[in-house]
Amino acid sequence: MQSIITEEEEDLPKTARLTKEEIEMVKLVTFCFAANRFFHEGSEAARSAVDELQEFRIPGFKVGSTVFEGRNRNVMMGDLLAGELTGTFEGSPFLQIILSSPTMTHLIHNASRRIRHERRMG
């Protein structure tokens, strides 16, 4: 992540470069982006597994004492967690960046630019 920011800022004047605090914000947004993806992918994997098993008339599966069936809370937990996580960004310009970025690199560029823009606008 730091290398992406450094490369992006190499032609900028020092006064336009991100501060340590601003870089920490980019790190936080990047973590939330990655966690959001991870949570959604977990629910997608659980849904796919349940759907495949249902084709063989198997209602679901267990991991330890946790039951995954249909669209129960366990199957949907990743989506629920992702919703809670992104909900913390409600009203923030970073929410759209997290939700719309196709890659982490894209997200880092957009978050960095957004922070510099906000700073210029005061």
PDB file of N, CA and C in Angstrom:
ATOM      1  N   MET A   1       0.811  -1.181   0.000  1.00  0.00           N
ATOM      2  CA  MET A   1       0.000   0.000   0.000  1.00  0.00           C
ATOM      3  C   MET A   1       0.861   1.253   0.000  1.00  0.00           C
ATOM      4  N   GLN A   2       1.872   1.264   0.841  1.00  0.00           N
ATOM      5  CA  GLN A   2       2.735   2.439   0.922  1.00  0.00           C
ATOM      6  C   GLN A   2       3.406   2.715  -0.416  1.00  0.00           C
ATOM      7  N   SER A   3       3.780   1.655  -1.130  1.00  0.00           N
ATOM      8  CA  SER A   3       4.440   1.857  -2.421  1.00  0.00           C
ATOM      9  C   SER A   3       3.488   2.487  -3.440  1.00  0.00           C
ATOM     10  N   ILE A   4       2.218   2.148  -3.373  1.00  0.00           N
ATOM     11  CA  ILE A   4       1.232   2.742  -4.284  1.00  0.00           C
ATOM     12  C   ILE A   4       1.107   4.233  -4.000  1.00  0.00           C
ATOM     13  N   ILE A   5       1.035   4.585  -2.733  1.00  0.00           N
ATOM     14  CA  ILE A   5       0.925   6.003  -2.355  1.00  0.00           C
ATOM     15  C   ILE A   5       2.201   6.748  -2.740  1.00  0.00           C
ATOM     16  N   THR A   6       3.353   6.155  -2.464  1.00  0.00           N
ATOM     17  CA  THR A   6       4.632   6.793  -2.785  1.00  0.00           C
ATOM     18  C   THR A   6       4.742   7.048  -4.283  1.00  0.00           C
ATOM     19  N   GLU A   7       4.386   6.059  -5.084  1.00  0.00           N
ATOM     20  CA  GLU A   7       4.443   6.211  -6.540  1.00  0.00           C
ATOM     21  C   GLU A   7       3.493   7.311  -7.008  1.00  0.00           C
ATOM     22  N   GLU A   8       2.321   7.337  -6.446  1.00  0.00           N
ATOM     23  CA  GLU A   8       1.327   8.341  -6.832  1.00  0.00           C
ATOM     24  C   GLU A   8       1.791   9.751  -6.471  1.00  0.00           C
ATOM     25  N   GLU A   9       2.529   9.875  -5.386  1.00  0.00           N
ATOM     26  CA  GLU A   9       2.910  11.190  -4.887  1.00  0.00           C
ATOM     27  C   GLU A   9       4.276  11.675  -5.368  1.00  0.00           C
ATOM     28  N   GLU A  10       4.992  10.870  -6.125  1.00  0.00           N
ATOM     29  CA  GLU A  10       6.364  11.234  -6.474  1.00  0.00           C
ATOM     30  C   GLU A  10       6.465  12.552  -7.248  1.00  0.00           C
ATOM     31  N   ASP A  11       5.450  12.904  -8.019  1.00  0.00           N
ATOM     32  CA  ASP A  11       5.478  14.155  -8.779  1.00  0.00           C
ATOM     33  C   ASP A  11       4.754  15.303  -8.079  1.00  0.00           C
ATOM     34  N   LEU A  12       4.245  15.051  -6.888  1.00  0.00           N
ATOM     35  CA  LEU A  12       3.525  16.079  -6.150  1.00  0.00           C
ATOM     36  C   LEU A  12       4.481  16.870  -5.262  1.00  0.00           C
ATOM     37  N   PRO A  13       4.170  18.140  -5.024  1.00  0.00           N
ATOM     38  CA  PRO A  13       4.977  18.889  -4.053  1.00  0.00           C
ATOM     39  C   PRO A  13       4.786  18.292  -2.655  1.00  0.00           C
ATOM     40  N   LYS A  14       5.775  18.461  -1.818  1.00  0.00           N
ATOM     41  CA  LYS A  14       5.712  17.882  -0.465  1.00  0.00           C
ATOM     42  C   LYS A  14       4.473  18.320   0.295  1.00  0.00           C
ATOM     43  N   THR A  15       4.022  19.523   0.072  1.00  0.00           N
ATOM     44  CA  THR A  15       2.849  20.028   0.794  1.00  0.00           C
ATOM     45  C   THR A  15       1.564  19.314   0.373  1.00  0.00           C
ATOM     46  N   ALA A  16       1.565  18.670  -0.781  1.00  0.00           N
ATOM     47  CA  ALA A  16       0.374  17.970  -1.262  1.00  0.00           C
ATOM     48  C   ALA A  16       0.387  16.495  -0.889  1.00  0.00           C
ATOM     49  N   ARG A  17       1.490  16.031  -0.321  1.00  0.00           N
ATOM     50  CA  ARG A  17       1.586  14.608   0.041  1.00  0.00           C
ATOM     51  C   ARG A  17       0.794  14.330   1.313  1.00  0.00           C
ATOM     52  N   LEU A  18       0.378  13.083   1.448  1.00  0.00           N
ATOM     53  CA  LEU A  18      -0.412  12.687   2.612  1.00  0.00           C
ATOM     54  C   LEU A  18       0.426  12.721   3.883  1.00  0.00           C
ATOM     55  N   THR A  19      -0.209  13.146   4.960  1.00  0.00           N
ATOM     56  CA  THR A  19       0.435  13.120   6.278  1.00  0.00           C
ATOM     57  C   THR A  19       0.360  11.691   6.826  1.00  0.00           C
ATOM     58  N   LYS A  20       1.054  11.439   7.905  1.00  0.00           N
ATOM     59  CA  LYS A  20       0.989  10.119   8.544  1.00  0.00           C
ATOM     60  C   LYS A  20      -0.439   9.780   8.956  1.00  0.00           C
ATOM     61  N   GLU A  21      -1.158  10.758   9.483  1.00  0.00           N
ATOM     62  CA  GLU A  21      -2.542  10.533   9.899  1.00  0.00           C
ATOM     63  C   GLU A  21      -3.430  10.207   8.701  1.00  0.00           C
ATOM     64  N   GLU A  22      -3.199  10.891   7.593  1.00  0.00           N
ATOM     65  CA  GLU A  22      -3.984  10.631   6.389  1.00  0.00           C
ATOM     66  C   GLU A  22      -3.673   9.251   5.811  1.00  0.00           C
ATOM     67  N   ILE A  23      -2.425   8.853   5.883  1.00  0.00           N
ATOM     68  CA  ILE A  23      -2.046   7.499   5.434  1.00  0.00           C
ATOM     69  C   ILE A  23      -2.720   6.456   6.317  1.00  0.00           C
ATOM     70  N   GLU A  24      -2.824   6.724   7.613  1.00  0.00           N
ATOM     71  CA  GLU A  24      -3.533   5.805   8.512  1.00  0.00           C
ATOM     72  C   GLU A  24      -5.004   5.682   8.112  1.00  0.00           C
ATOM     73  N   MET A  25      -5.607   6.783   7.661  1.00  0.00           N
ATOM     74  CA  MET A  25      -6.998   6.734   7.196  1.00  0.00           C
ATOM     75  C   MET A  25      -7.095   5.864   5.945  1.00  0.00           C
ATOM     76  N   VAL A  26      -6.156   6.012   5.025  1.00  0.00           N
ATOM     77  CA  VAL A  26      -6.151   5.168   3.821  1.00  0.00           C
ATOM     78  C   VAL A  26      -6.007   3.698   4.223  1.00  0.00           C
ATOM     79  N   LYS A  27      -5.169   3.429   5.213  1.00  0.00           N
ATOM     80  CA  LYS A  27      -5.003   2.046   5.700  1.00  0.00           C
ATOM     81  C   LYS A  27      -6.310   1.505   6.273  1.00  0.00           C
ATOM     82  N   LEU A  28      -7.003   2.321   7.034  1.00  0.00           N
ATOM     83  CA  LEU A  28      -8.277   1.913   7.616  1.00  0.00           C
ATOM     84  C   LEU A  28      -9.306   1.614   6.525  1.00  0.00           C
ATOM     85  N   VAL A  29      -9.407   2.497   5.552  1.00  0.00           N
ATOM     86  CA  VAL A  29     -10.340   2.294   4.444  1.00  0.00           C
ATOM     87  C   VAL A  29      -9.960   1.042   3.658  1.00  0.00           C
ATOM     88  N   THR A  30      -8.671   0.828   3.460  1.00  0.00           N
ATOM     89  CA  THR A  30      -8.196  -0.363   2.745  1.00  0.00           C
ATOM     90  C   THR A  30      -8.538  -1.629   3.518  1.00  0.00           C
ATOM     91  N   PHE A  31      -8.341  -1.609   4.820  1.00  0.00           N
ATOM     92  CA  PHE A  31      -8.708  -2.766   5.641  1.00  0.00           C
ATOM     93  C   PHE A  31     -10.204  -3.053   5.525  1.00  0.00           C
ATOM     94  N   CYS A  32     -11.016  -2.016   5.604  1.00  0.00           N
ATOM     95  CA  CYS A  32     -12.472  -2.207   5.505  1.00  0.00           C
ATOM     96  C   CYS A  32     -12.866  -2.744   4.140  1.00  0.00           C
ATOM     97  N   PHE A  33     -12.215  -2.287   3.091  1.00  0.00           N
ATOM     98  CA  PHE A  33     -12.456  -2.807   1.742  1.00  0.00           C
ATOM     99  C   PHE A  33     -12.158  -4.308   1.694  1.00  0.00           C
ATOM    100  N   ALA A  34     -10.990  -4.692   2.231  1.00  0.00           N
ATOM    101  CA  ALA A  34     -10.590  -6.105   2.209  1.00  0.00           C
ATOM    102  C   ALA A  34     -11.526  -6.955   3.068  1.00  0.00           C
ATOM    103  N   ALA A  35     -11.864  -6.468   4.246  1.00  0.00           N
ATOM    104  CA  ALA A  35     -12.766  -7.218   5.133  1.00  0.00           C
ATOM    105  C   ALA A  35     -14.150  -7.349   4.506  1.00  0.00           C
ATOM    106  N   ASN A  36     -14.630  -6.296   3.884  1.00  0.00           N
ATOM    107  CA  ASN A  36     -15.928  -6.317   3.219  1.00  0.00           C
ATOM    108  C   ASN A  36     -15.952  -7.406   2.142  1.00  0.00           C
ATOM    109  N   ARG A  37     -14.916  -7.442   1.334  1.00  0.00           N
ATOM    110  CA  ARG A  37     -14.819  -8.478   0.295  1.00  0.00           C
ATOM    111  C   ARG A  37     -14.764  -9.875   0.907  1.00  0.00           C
ATOM    112  N   PHE A  38     -13.949 -10.023   1.932  1.00  0.00           N
ATOM    113  CA  PHE A  38     -13.791 -11.319   2.597  1.00  0.00           C
ATOM    114  C   PHE A  38     -15.127 -11.798   3.154  1.00  0.00           C
ATOM    115  N   PHE A  39     -15.853 -10.926   3.821  1.00  0.00           N
ATOM    116  CA  PHE A  39     -17.147 -11.302   4.404  1.00  0.00           C
ATOM    117  C   PHE A  39     -18.145 -11.712   3.322  1.00  0.00           C
ATOM    118  N   HIS A  40     -18.235 -10.909   2.252  1.00  0.00           N
ATOM    119  CA  HIS A  40     -19.163 -11.241   1.169  1.00  0.00           C
ATOM    120  C   HIS A  40     -18.786 -12.572   0.506  1.00  0.00           C
ATOM    121  N   GLU A  41     -17.501 -12.782   0.294  1.00  0.00           N
ATOM    122  CA  GLU A  41     -17.065 -14.031  -0.335  1.00  0.00           C
ATOM    123  C   GLU A  41     -17.361 -15.229   0.555  1.00  0.00           C
ATOM    124  N   GLY A  42     -17.290 -15.055   1.864  1.00  0.00           N
ATOM    125  CA  GLY A  42     -17.636 -16.134   2.788  1.00  0.00           C
ATOM    126  C   GLY A  42     -19.096 -16.520   2.677  1.00  0.00           C
ATOM    127  N   SER A  43     -19.966 -15.522   2.626  1.00  0.00           N
ATOM    128  CA  SER A  43     -21.396 -15.818   2.461  1.00  0.00           C
ATOM    129  C   SER A  43     -21.659 -16.456   1.104  1.00  0.00           C
ATOM    130  N   GLU A  44     -20.991 -15.972   0.079  1.00  0.00           N
ATOM    131  CA  GLU A  44     -21.182 -16.547  -1.257  1.00  0.00           C
ATOM    132  C   GLU A  44     -20.750 -18.011  -1.276  1.00  0.00           C
ATOM    133  N   ALA A  45     -19.645 -18.326  -0.633  1.00  0.00           N
ATOM    134  CA  ALA A  45     -19.183 -19.721  -0.568  1.00  0.00           C
ATOM    135  C   ALA A  45     -20.176 -20.587   0.198  1.00  0.00           C
ATOM    136  N   ALA A  46     -20.694 -20.076   1.311  1.00  0.00           N
ATOM    137  CA  ALA A  46     -21.669 -20.836   2.103  1.00  0.00           C
ATOM    138  C   ALA A  46     -22.954 -21.057   1.301  1.00  0.00           C
ATOM    139  N   ARG A  47     -23.424 -20.014   0.615  1.00  0.00           N
ATOM    140  CA  ARG A  47     -24.635 -20.163  -0.214  1.00  0.00           C
ATOM    141  C   ARG A  47     -24.421 -21.201  -1.317  1.00  0.00           C
ATOM    142  N   SER A  48     -23.280 -21.130  -1.968  1.00  0.00           N
ATOM    143  CA  SER A  48     -22.986 -22.085  -3.049  1.00  0.00           C
ATOM    144  C   SER A  48     -22.936 -23.512  -2.524  1.00  0.00           C
ATOM    145  N   ALA A  49     -22.295 -23.696  -1.377  1.00  0.00           N
ATOM    146  CA  ALA A  49     -22.205 -25.043  -0.797  1.00  0.00           C
ATOM    147  C   ALA A  49     -23.590 -25.574  -0.444  1.00  0.00           C
ATOM    148  N   VAL A  50     -24.405 -24.746   0.194  1.00  0.00           N
ATOM    149  CA  VAL A  50     -25.760 -25.161   0.572  1.00  0.00           C
ATOM    150  C   VAL A  50     -26.583 -25.478  -0.675  1.00  0.00           C
ATOM    151  N   ASP A  51     -26.471 -24.638  -1.684  1.00  0.00           N
ATOM    152  CA  ASP A  51     -27.236 -24.863  -2.920  1.00  0.00           C
ATOM    153  C   ASP A  51     -26.817 -26.163  -3.605  1.00  0.00           C
ATOM    154  N   GLU A  52     -25.528 -26.432  -3.638  1.00  0.00           N
ATOM    155  CA  GLU A  52     -25.041 -27.674  -4.250  1.00  0.00           C
ATOM    156  C   GLU A  52     -25.548 -28.892  -3.474  1.00  0.00           C
ATOM    157  N   LEU A  53     -25.480 -28.812  -2.163  1.00  0.00           N
ATOM    158  CA  LEU A  53     -25.958 -29.931  -1.344  1.00  0.00           C
ATOM    159  C   LEU A  53     -27.454 -30.152  -1.517  1.00  0.00           C
ATOM    160  N   GLN A  54     -28.220 -29.076  -1.643  1.00  0.00           N
ATOM    161  CA  GLN A  54     -29.671 -29.203  -1.819  1.00  0.00           C
ATOM    162  C   GLN A  54     -30.026 -29.932  -3.112  1.00  0.00           C
ATOM    163  N   GLU A  55     -29.164 -29.840  -4.105  1.00  0.00           N
ATOM    164  CA  GLU A  55     -29.407 -30.585  -5.345  1.00  0.00           C
ATOM    165  C   GLU A  55     -29.365 -32.098  -5.104  1.00  0.00           C
ATOM    166  N   PHE A  56     -28.680 -32.507  -4.057  1.00  0.00           N
ATOM    167  CA  PHE A  56     -28.609 -33.929  -3.674  1.00  0.00           C
ATOM    168  C   PHE A  56     -29.533 -34.234  -2.503  1.00  0.00           C
ATOM    169  N   ARG A  57     -30.470 -33.325  -2.253  1.00  0.00           N
ATOM    170  CA  ARG A  57     -31.456 -33.452  -1.173  1.00  0.00           C
ATOM    171  C   ARG A  57     -30.802 -33.505   0.217  1.00  0.00           C
ATOM    172  N   ILE A  58     -29.693 -32.840   0.334  1.00  0.00           N
ATOM    173  CA  ILE A  58     -29.020 -32.682   1.623  1.00  0.00           C
ATOM    174  C   ILE A  58     -29.299 -31.243   2.054  1.00  0.00           C
ATOM    175  N   PRO A  59     -29.958 -31.061   3.199  1.00  0.00           N
ATOM    176  CA  PRO A  59     -30.424 -29.724   3.570  1.00  0.00           C
ATOM    177  C   PRO A  59     -29.315 -28.727   3.927  1.00  0.00           C
ATOM    178  N   GLY A  60     -28.141 -29.186   4.276  1.00  0.00           N
ATOM    179  CA  GLY A  60     -27.080 -28.266   4.674  1.00  0.00           C
ATOM    180  C   GLY A  60     -25.889 -29.015   5.218  1.00  0.00           C
ATOM    181  N   PHE A  61     -25.088 -28.312   5.994  1.00  0.00           N
ATOM    182  CA  PHE A  61     -23.898 -28.929   6.580  1.00  0.00           C
ATOM    183  C   PHE A  61     -23.588 -28.269   7.910  1.00  0.00           C
ATOM    184  N   LYS A  62     -22.709 -28.911   8.671  1.00  0.00           N
ATOM    185  CA  LYS A  62     -22.294 -28.417   9.985  1.00  0.00           C
ATOM    186  C   LYS A  62     -20.782 -28.252  10.013  1.00  0.00           C
ATOM    187  N   VAL A  63     -20.367 -27.204  10.661  1.00  0.00           N
ATOM    188  CA  VAL A  63     -18.957 -27.009  10.991  1.00  0.00           C
ATOM    189  C   VAL A  63     -18.933 -26.848  12.497  1.00  0.00           C
ATOM    190  N   GLY A  64     -18.433 -27.871  13.190  1.00  0.00           N
ATOM    191  CA  GLY A  64     -18.537 -27.881  14.644  1.00  0.00           C
ATOM    192  C   GLY A  64     -20.004 -27.938  15.017  1.00  0.00           C
ATOM    193  N   SER A  65     -20.451 -26.976  15.803  1.00  0.00           N
ATOM    194  CA  SER A  65     -21.864 -26.939  16.184  1.00  0.00           C
ATOM    195  C   SER A  65     -22.658 -25.926  15.343  1.00  0.00           C
ATOM    196  N   THR A  66     -22.012 -25.337  14.347  1.00  0.00           N
ATOM    197  CA  THR A  66     -22.666 -24.330  13.521  1.00  0.00           C
ATOM    198  C   THR A  66     -23.313 -24.988  12.302  1.00  0.00           C
ATOM    199  N   VAL A  67     -24.622 -24.780  12.155  1.00  0.00           N
ATOM    200  CA  VAL A  67     -25.389 -25.386  11.077  1.00  0.00           C
ATOM    201  C   VAL A  67     -25.588 -24.365   9.955  1.00  0.00           C
ATOM    202  N   PHE A  68     -25.304 -24.791   8.736  1.00  0.00           N
ATOM    203  CA  PHE A  68     -25.506 -23.980   7.537  1.00  0.00           C
ATOM    204  C   PHE A  68     -26.599 -24.644   6.706  1.00  0.00           C
ATOM    205  N   GLU A  69     -27.768 -23.989   6.640  1.00  0.00           N
ATOM    206  CA  GLU A  69     -28.904 -24.516   5.880  1.00  0.00           C
ATOM    207  C   GLU A  69     -29.630 -23.363   5.213  1.00  0.00           C
ATOM    208  N   GLY A  70     -30.075 -23.615   3.988  1.00  0.00           N
ATOM    209  CA  GLY A  70     -30.865 -22.608   3.282  1.00  0.00           C
ATOM    210  C   GLY A  70     -30.177 -21.262   3.294  1.00  0.00           C
ATOM    211  N   ARG A  71     -30.886 -20.275   3.790  1.00  0.00           N
ATOM    212  CA  ARG A  71     -30.309 -18.928   3.931  1.00  0.00           C
ATOM    213  C   ARG A  71     -30.366 -18.504   5.391  1.00  0.00           C
ATOM    214  N   ASN A  72     -30.021 -19.451   6.281  1.00  0.00           N
ATOM    215  CA  ASN A  72     -30.067 -19.122   7.703  1.00  0.00           C
ATOM    216  C   ASN A  72     -28.992 -18.088   8.055  1.00  0.00           C
ATOM    217  N   ARG A  73     -29.040 -17.640   9.275  1.00  0.00           N
ATOM    218  CA  ARG A  73     -28.119 -16.574   9.728  1.00  0.00           C
ATOM    219  C   ARG A  73     -26.653 -16.960   9.532  1.00  0.00           C
ATOM    220  N   ASN A  74     -26.329 -18.218   9.723  1.00  0.00           N
ATOM    221  CA  ASN A  74     -24.940 -18.644   9.558  1.00  0.00           C
ATOM    222  C   ASN A  74     -24.489 -18.531   8.105  1.00  0.00           C
ATOM    223  N   VAL A  75     -25.364 -18.885   7.187  1.00  0.00           N
ATOM    224  CA  VAL A  75     -25.042 -18.778   5.762  1.00  0.00           C
ATOM    225  C   VAL A  75     -24.864 -17.309   5.379  1.00  0.00           C
ATOM    226  N   MET A  76     -25.671 -16.454   5.937  1.00  0.00           N
ATOM    227  CA  MET A  76     -25.675 -15.041   5.568  1.00  0.00           C
ATOM    228  C   MET A  76     -24.767 -14.173   6.445  1.00  0.00           C
ATOM    229  N   MET A  77     -24.079 -14.773   7.409  1.00  0.00           N
ATOM    230  CA  MET A  77     -23.296 -14.013   8.375  1.00  0.00           C
ATOM    231  C   MET A  77     -22.284 -13.066   7.722  1.00  0.00           C
ATOM    232  N   GLY A  78     -21.608 -13.517   6.685  1.00  0.00           N
ATOM    233  CA  GLY A  78     -20.638 -12.651   6.019  1.00  0.00           C
ATOM    234  C   GLY A  78     -21.285 -11.396   5.458  1.00  0.00           C
ATOM    235  N   ASP A  79     -22.439 -11.565   4.816  1.00  0.00           N
ATOM    236  CA  ASP A  79     -23.152 -10.401   4.286  1.00  0.00           C
ATOM    237  C   ASP A  79     -23.621  -9.479   5.415  1.00  0.00           C
ATOM    238  N   LEU A  80     -24.060 -10.076   6.510  1.00  0.00           N
ATOM    239  CA  LEU A  80     -24.495  -9.267   7.662  1.00  0.00           C
ATOM    240  C   LEU A  80     -23.325  -8.471   8.237  1.00  0.00           C
ATOM    241  N   LEU A  81     -22.178  -9.121   8.388  1.00  0.00           N
ATOM    242  CA  LEU A  81     -20.995  -8.434   8.914  1.00  0.00           C
ATOM    243  C   LEU A  81     -20.527  -7.333   7.967  1.00  0.00           C
ATOM    244  N   ALA A  82     -20.558  -7.620   6.670  1.00  0.00           N
ATOM    245  CA  ALA A  82     -20.166  -6.603   5.687  1.00  0.00           C
ATOM    246  C   ALA A  82     -21.097  -5.390   5.775  1.00  0.00           C
ATOM    247  N   GLY A  83     -22.376  -5.646   5.945  1.00  0.00           N
ATOM    248  CA  GLY A  83     -23.332  -4.551   6.084  1.00  0.00           C
ATOM    249  C   GLY A  83     -23.069  -3.708   7.318  1.00  0.00           C
ATOM    250  N   GLU A  84     -22.748  -4.375   8.420  1.00  0.00           N
ATOM    251  CA  GLU A  84     -22.424  -3.641   9.652  1.00  0.00           C
ATOM    252  C   GLU A  84     -21.158  -2.811   9.465  1.00  0.00           C
ATOM    253  N   LEU A  85     -20.173  -3.404   8.828  1.00  0.00           N
ATOM    254  CA  LEU A  85     -18.903  -2.707   8.612  1.00  0.00           C
ATOM    255  C   LEU A  85     -19.090  -1.484   7.726  1.00  0.00           C
ATOM    256  N   THR A  86     -19.736  -1.664   6.585  1.00  0.00           N
ATOM    257  CA  THR A  86     -19.915  -0.522   5.690  1.00  0.00           C
ATOM    258  C   THR A  86     -20.871   0.507   6.296  1.00  0.00           C
ATOM    259  N   GLY A  87     -21.752   0.069   7.169  1.00  0.00           N
ATOM    260  CA  GLY A  87     -22.649   0.997   7.842  1.00  0.00           C
ATOM    261  C   GLY A  87     -21.911   2.012   8.695  1.00  0.00           C
ATOM    262  N   THR A  88     -20.736   1.653   9.160  1.00  0.00           N
ATOM    263  CA  THR A  88     -19.949   2.605   9.957  1.00  0.00           C
ATOM    264  C   THR A  88     -19.440   3.757   9.114  1.00  0.00           C
ATOM    265  N   PHE A  89     -19.470   3.596   7.792  1.00  0.00           N
ATOM    266  CA  PHE A  89     -19.028   4.658   6.894  1.00  0.00           C
ATOM    267  C   PHE A  89     -20.195   5.465   6.325  1.00  0.00           C
ATOM    268  N   GLU A  90     -21.404   5.190   6.816  1.00  0.00           N
ATOM    269  CA  GLU A  90     -22.588   5.904   6.326  1.00  0.00           C
ATOM    270  C   GLU A  90     -22.367   7.406   6.465  1.00  0.00           C
ATOM    271  N   GLY A  91     -22.621   8.138   5.385  1.00  0.00           N
ATOM    272  CA  GLY A  91     -22.428   9.582   5.387  1.00  0.00           C
ATOM    273  C   GLY A  91     -21.012  10.014   5.065  1.00  0.00           C
ATOM    274  N   SER A  92     -20.109   9.064   4.921  1.00  0.00           N
ATOM    275  CA  SER A  92     -18.716   9.367   4.612  1.00  0.00           C
ATOM    276  C   SER A  92     -18.470   9.226   3.114  1.00  0.00           C
ATOM    277  N   PRO A  93     -17.620  10.071   2.555  1.00  0.00           N
ATOM    278  CA  PRO A  93     -17.304   9.923   1.133  1.00  0.00           C
ATOM    279  C   PRO A  93     -16.569   8.605   0.838  1.00  0.00           C
ATOM    280  N   PHE A  94     -16.038   7.982   1.865  1.00  0.00           N
ATOM    281  CA  PHE A  94     -15.294   6.734   1.653  1.00  0.00           C
ATOM    282  C   PHE A  94     -16.202   5.536   1.406  1.00  0.00           C
ATOM    283  N   LEU A  95     -17.465   5.630   1.795  1.00  0.00           N
ATOM    284  CA  LEU A  95     -18.373   4.508   1.580  1.00  0.00           C
ATOM    285  C   LEU A  95     -18.465   4.157   0.102  1.00  0.00           C
ATOM    286  N   GLN A  96     -18.696   5.141  -0.734  1.00  0.00           N
ATOM    287  CA  GLN A  96     -18.814   4.880  -2.172  1.00  0.00           C
ATOM    288  C   GLN A  96     -17.497   4.350  -2.737  1.00  0.00           C
ATOM    289  N   ILE A  97     -16.385   4.845  -2.234  1.00  0.00           N
ATOM    290  CA  ILE A  97     -15.082   4.364  -2.698  1.00  0.00           C
ATOM    291  C   ILE A  97     -14.921   2.888  -2.335  1.00  0.00           C
ATOM    292  N   ILE A  98     -15.289   2.507  -1.116  1.00  0.00           N
ATOM    293  CA  ILE A  98     -15.188   1.111  -0.679  1.00  0.00           C
ATOM    294  C   ILE A  98     -16.080   0.217  -1.536  1.00  0.00           C
ATOM    295  N   LEU A  99     -17.301   0.661  -1.778  1.00  0.00           N
ATOM    296  CA  LEU A  99     -18.274  -0.173  -2.494  1.00  0.00           C
ATOM    297  C   LEU A  99     -18.033  -0.241  -3.999  1.00  0.00           C
ATOM    298  N   SER A 100     -17.422   0.787  -4.565  1.00  0.00           N
ATOM    299  CA  SER A 100     -17.300   0.831  -6.026  1.00  0.00           C
ATOM    300  C   SER A 100     -15.919   0.472  -6.563  1.00  0.00           C
ATOM    301  N   SER A 101     -14.932   0.367  -5.707  1.00  0.00           N
ATOM    302  CA  SER A 101     -13.582   0.079  -6.197  1.00  0.00           C
ATOM    303  C   SER A 101     -13.455  -1.385  -6.623  1.00  0.00           C
ATOM    304  N   PRO A 102     -12.993  -1.619  -7.849  1.00  0.00           N
ATOM    305  CA  PRO A 102     -12.846  -3.000  -8.312  1.00  0.00           C
ATOM    306  C   PRO A 102     -11.620  -3.708  -7.734  1.00  0.00           C
ATOM    307  N   THR A 103     -10.605  -2.932  -7.363  1.00  0.00           N
ATOM    308  CA  THR A 103      -9.379  -3.525  -6.817  1.00  0.00           C
ATOM    309  C   THR A 103      -8.885  -2.690  -5.644  1.00  0.00           C
ATOM    310  N   MET A 104      -7.990  -3.283  -4.878  1.00  0.00           N
ATOM    311  CA  MET A 104      -7.419  -2.563  -3.749  1.00  0.00           C
ATOM    312  C   MET A 104      -6.564  -1.391  -4.236  1.00  0.00           C
ATOM    313  N   THR A 105      -5.840  -1.583  -5.319  1.00  0.00           N
ATOM    314  CA  THR A 105      -5.020  -0.495  -5.876  1.00  0.00           C
ATOM    315  C   THR A 105      -5.908   0.680  -6.262  1.00  0.00           C
ATOM    316  N   HIS A 106      -6.995   0.397  -6.924  1.00  0.00           N
ATOM    317  CA  HIS A 106      -7.950   1.434  -7.319  1.00  0.00           C
ATOM    318  C   HIS A 106      -8.462   2.162  -6.079  1.00  0.00           C
ATOM    319  N   LEU A 107      -8.795   1.411  -5.052  1.00  0.00           N
ATOM    320  CA  LEU A 107      -9.289   1.992  -3.807  1.00  0.00           C
ATOM    321  C   LEU A 107      -8.243   2.920  -3.177  1.00  0.00           C
ATOM    322  N   ILE A 108      -7.011   2.480  -3.113  1.00  0.00           N
ATOM    323  CA  ILE A 108      -5.946   3.289  -2.502  1.00  0.00           C
ATOM    324  C   ILE A 108      -5.774   4.601  -3.259  1.00  0.00           C
ATOM    325  N   HIS A 109      -5.757   4.529  -4.595  1.00  0.00           N
ATOM    326  CA  HIS A 109      -5.645   5.752  -5.399  1.00  0.00           C
ATOM    327  C   HIS A 109      -6.820   6.689  -5.126  1.00  0.00           C
ATOM    328  N   ASN A 110      -8.030   6.157  -5.157  1.00  0.00           N
ATOM    329  CA  ASN A 110      -9.211   7.007  -4.966  1.00  0.00           C
ATOM    330  C   ASN A 110      -9.292   7.583  -3.563  1.00  0.00           C
ATOM    331  N   ALA A 111      -8.978   6.781  -2.553  1.00  0.00           N
ATOM    332  CA  ALA A 111      -9.013   7.285  -1.175  1.00  0.00           C
ATOM    333  C   ALA A 111      -7.955   8.368  -0.978  1.00  0.00           C
ATOM    334  N   SER A 112      -6.771   8.160  -1.518  1.00  0.00           N
ATOM    335  CA  SER A 112      -5.702   9.155  -1.398  1.00  0.00           C
ATOM    336  C   SER A 112      -6.093  10.460  -2.075  1.00  0.00           C
ATOM    337  N   ARG A 113      -6.634  10.350  -3.269  1.00  0.00           N
ATOM    338  CA  ARG A 113      -7.059  11.554  -3.998  1.00  0.00           C
ATOM    339  C   ARG A 113      -8.183  12.272  -3.245  1.00  0.00           C
ATOM    340  N   ARG A 114      -9.097  11.494  -2.684  1.00  0.00           N
ATOM    341  CA  ARG A 114     -10.213  12.089  -1.951  1.00  0.00           C
ATOM    342  C   ARG A 114      -9.710  12.871  -0.739  1.00  0.00           C
ATOM    343  N   ILE A 115      -8.755  12.301  -0.034  1.00  0.00           N
ATOM    344  CA  ILE A 115      -8.196  12.962   1.149  1.00  0.00           C
ATOM    345  C   ILE A 115      -7.496  14.251   0.737  1.00  0.00           C
ATOM    346  N   ARG A 116      -6.700  14.193  -0.324  1.00  0.00           N
ATOM    347  CA  ARG A 116      -6.011  15.416  -0.772  1.00  0.00           C
ATOM    348  C   ARG A 116      -7.037  16.462  -1.221  1.00  0.00           C
ATOM    349  N   HIS A 117      -8.075  16.040  -1.902  1.00  0.00           N
ATOM    350  CA  HIS A 117      -9.132  16.966  -2.346  1.00  0.00           C
ATOM    351  C   HIS A 117      -9.824  17.611  -1.140  1.00  0.00           C
ATOM    352  N   GLU A 118     -10.167  16.799  -0.147  1.00  0.00           N
ATOM    353  CA  GLU A 118     -10.830  17.328   1.065  1.00  0.00           C
ATOM    354  C   GLU A 118      -9.929  18.353   1.749  1.00  0.00           C
ATOM    355  N   ARG A 119      -8.631  18.078   1.790  1.00  0.00           N
ATOM    356  CA  ARG A 119      -7.692  18.994   2.423  1.00  0.00           C
ATOM    357  C   ARG A 119      -7.660  20.325   1.675  1.00  0.00           C
ATOM    358  N   ARG A 120      -7.637  20.273   0.350  1.00  0.00           N
ATOM    359  CA  ARG A 120      -7.611  21.511  -0.449  1.00  0.00           C
ATOM    360  C   ARG A 120      -8.881  22.330  -0.272  1.00  0.00           C
ATOM    361  N   MET A 121     -10.006  21.616  -0.119  1.00  0.00           N
ATOM    362  CA  MET A 121     -11.281  22.305  -0.002  1.00  0.00           C
ATOM    363  C   MET A 121     -11.495  22.866   1.408  1.00  0.00           C
ATOM    364  N   GLY A 122     -10.660  22.405   2.339  1.00  0.00           N
ATOM    365  CA  GLY A 122     -10.705  22.938   3.690  1.00  0.00           C
ATOM    366  C   GLY A 122     -11.763  22.376   4.499  1.00  0.00           C
TER     367      GLY A 122
END
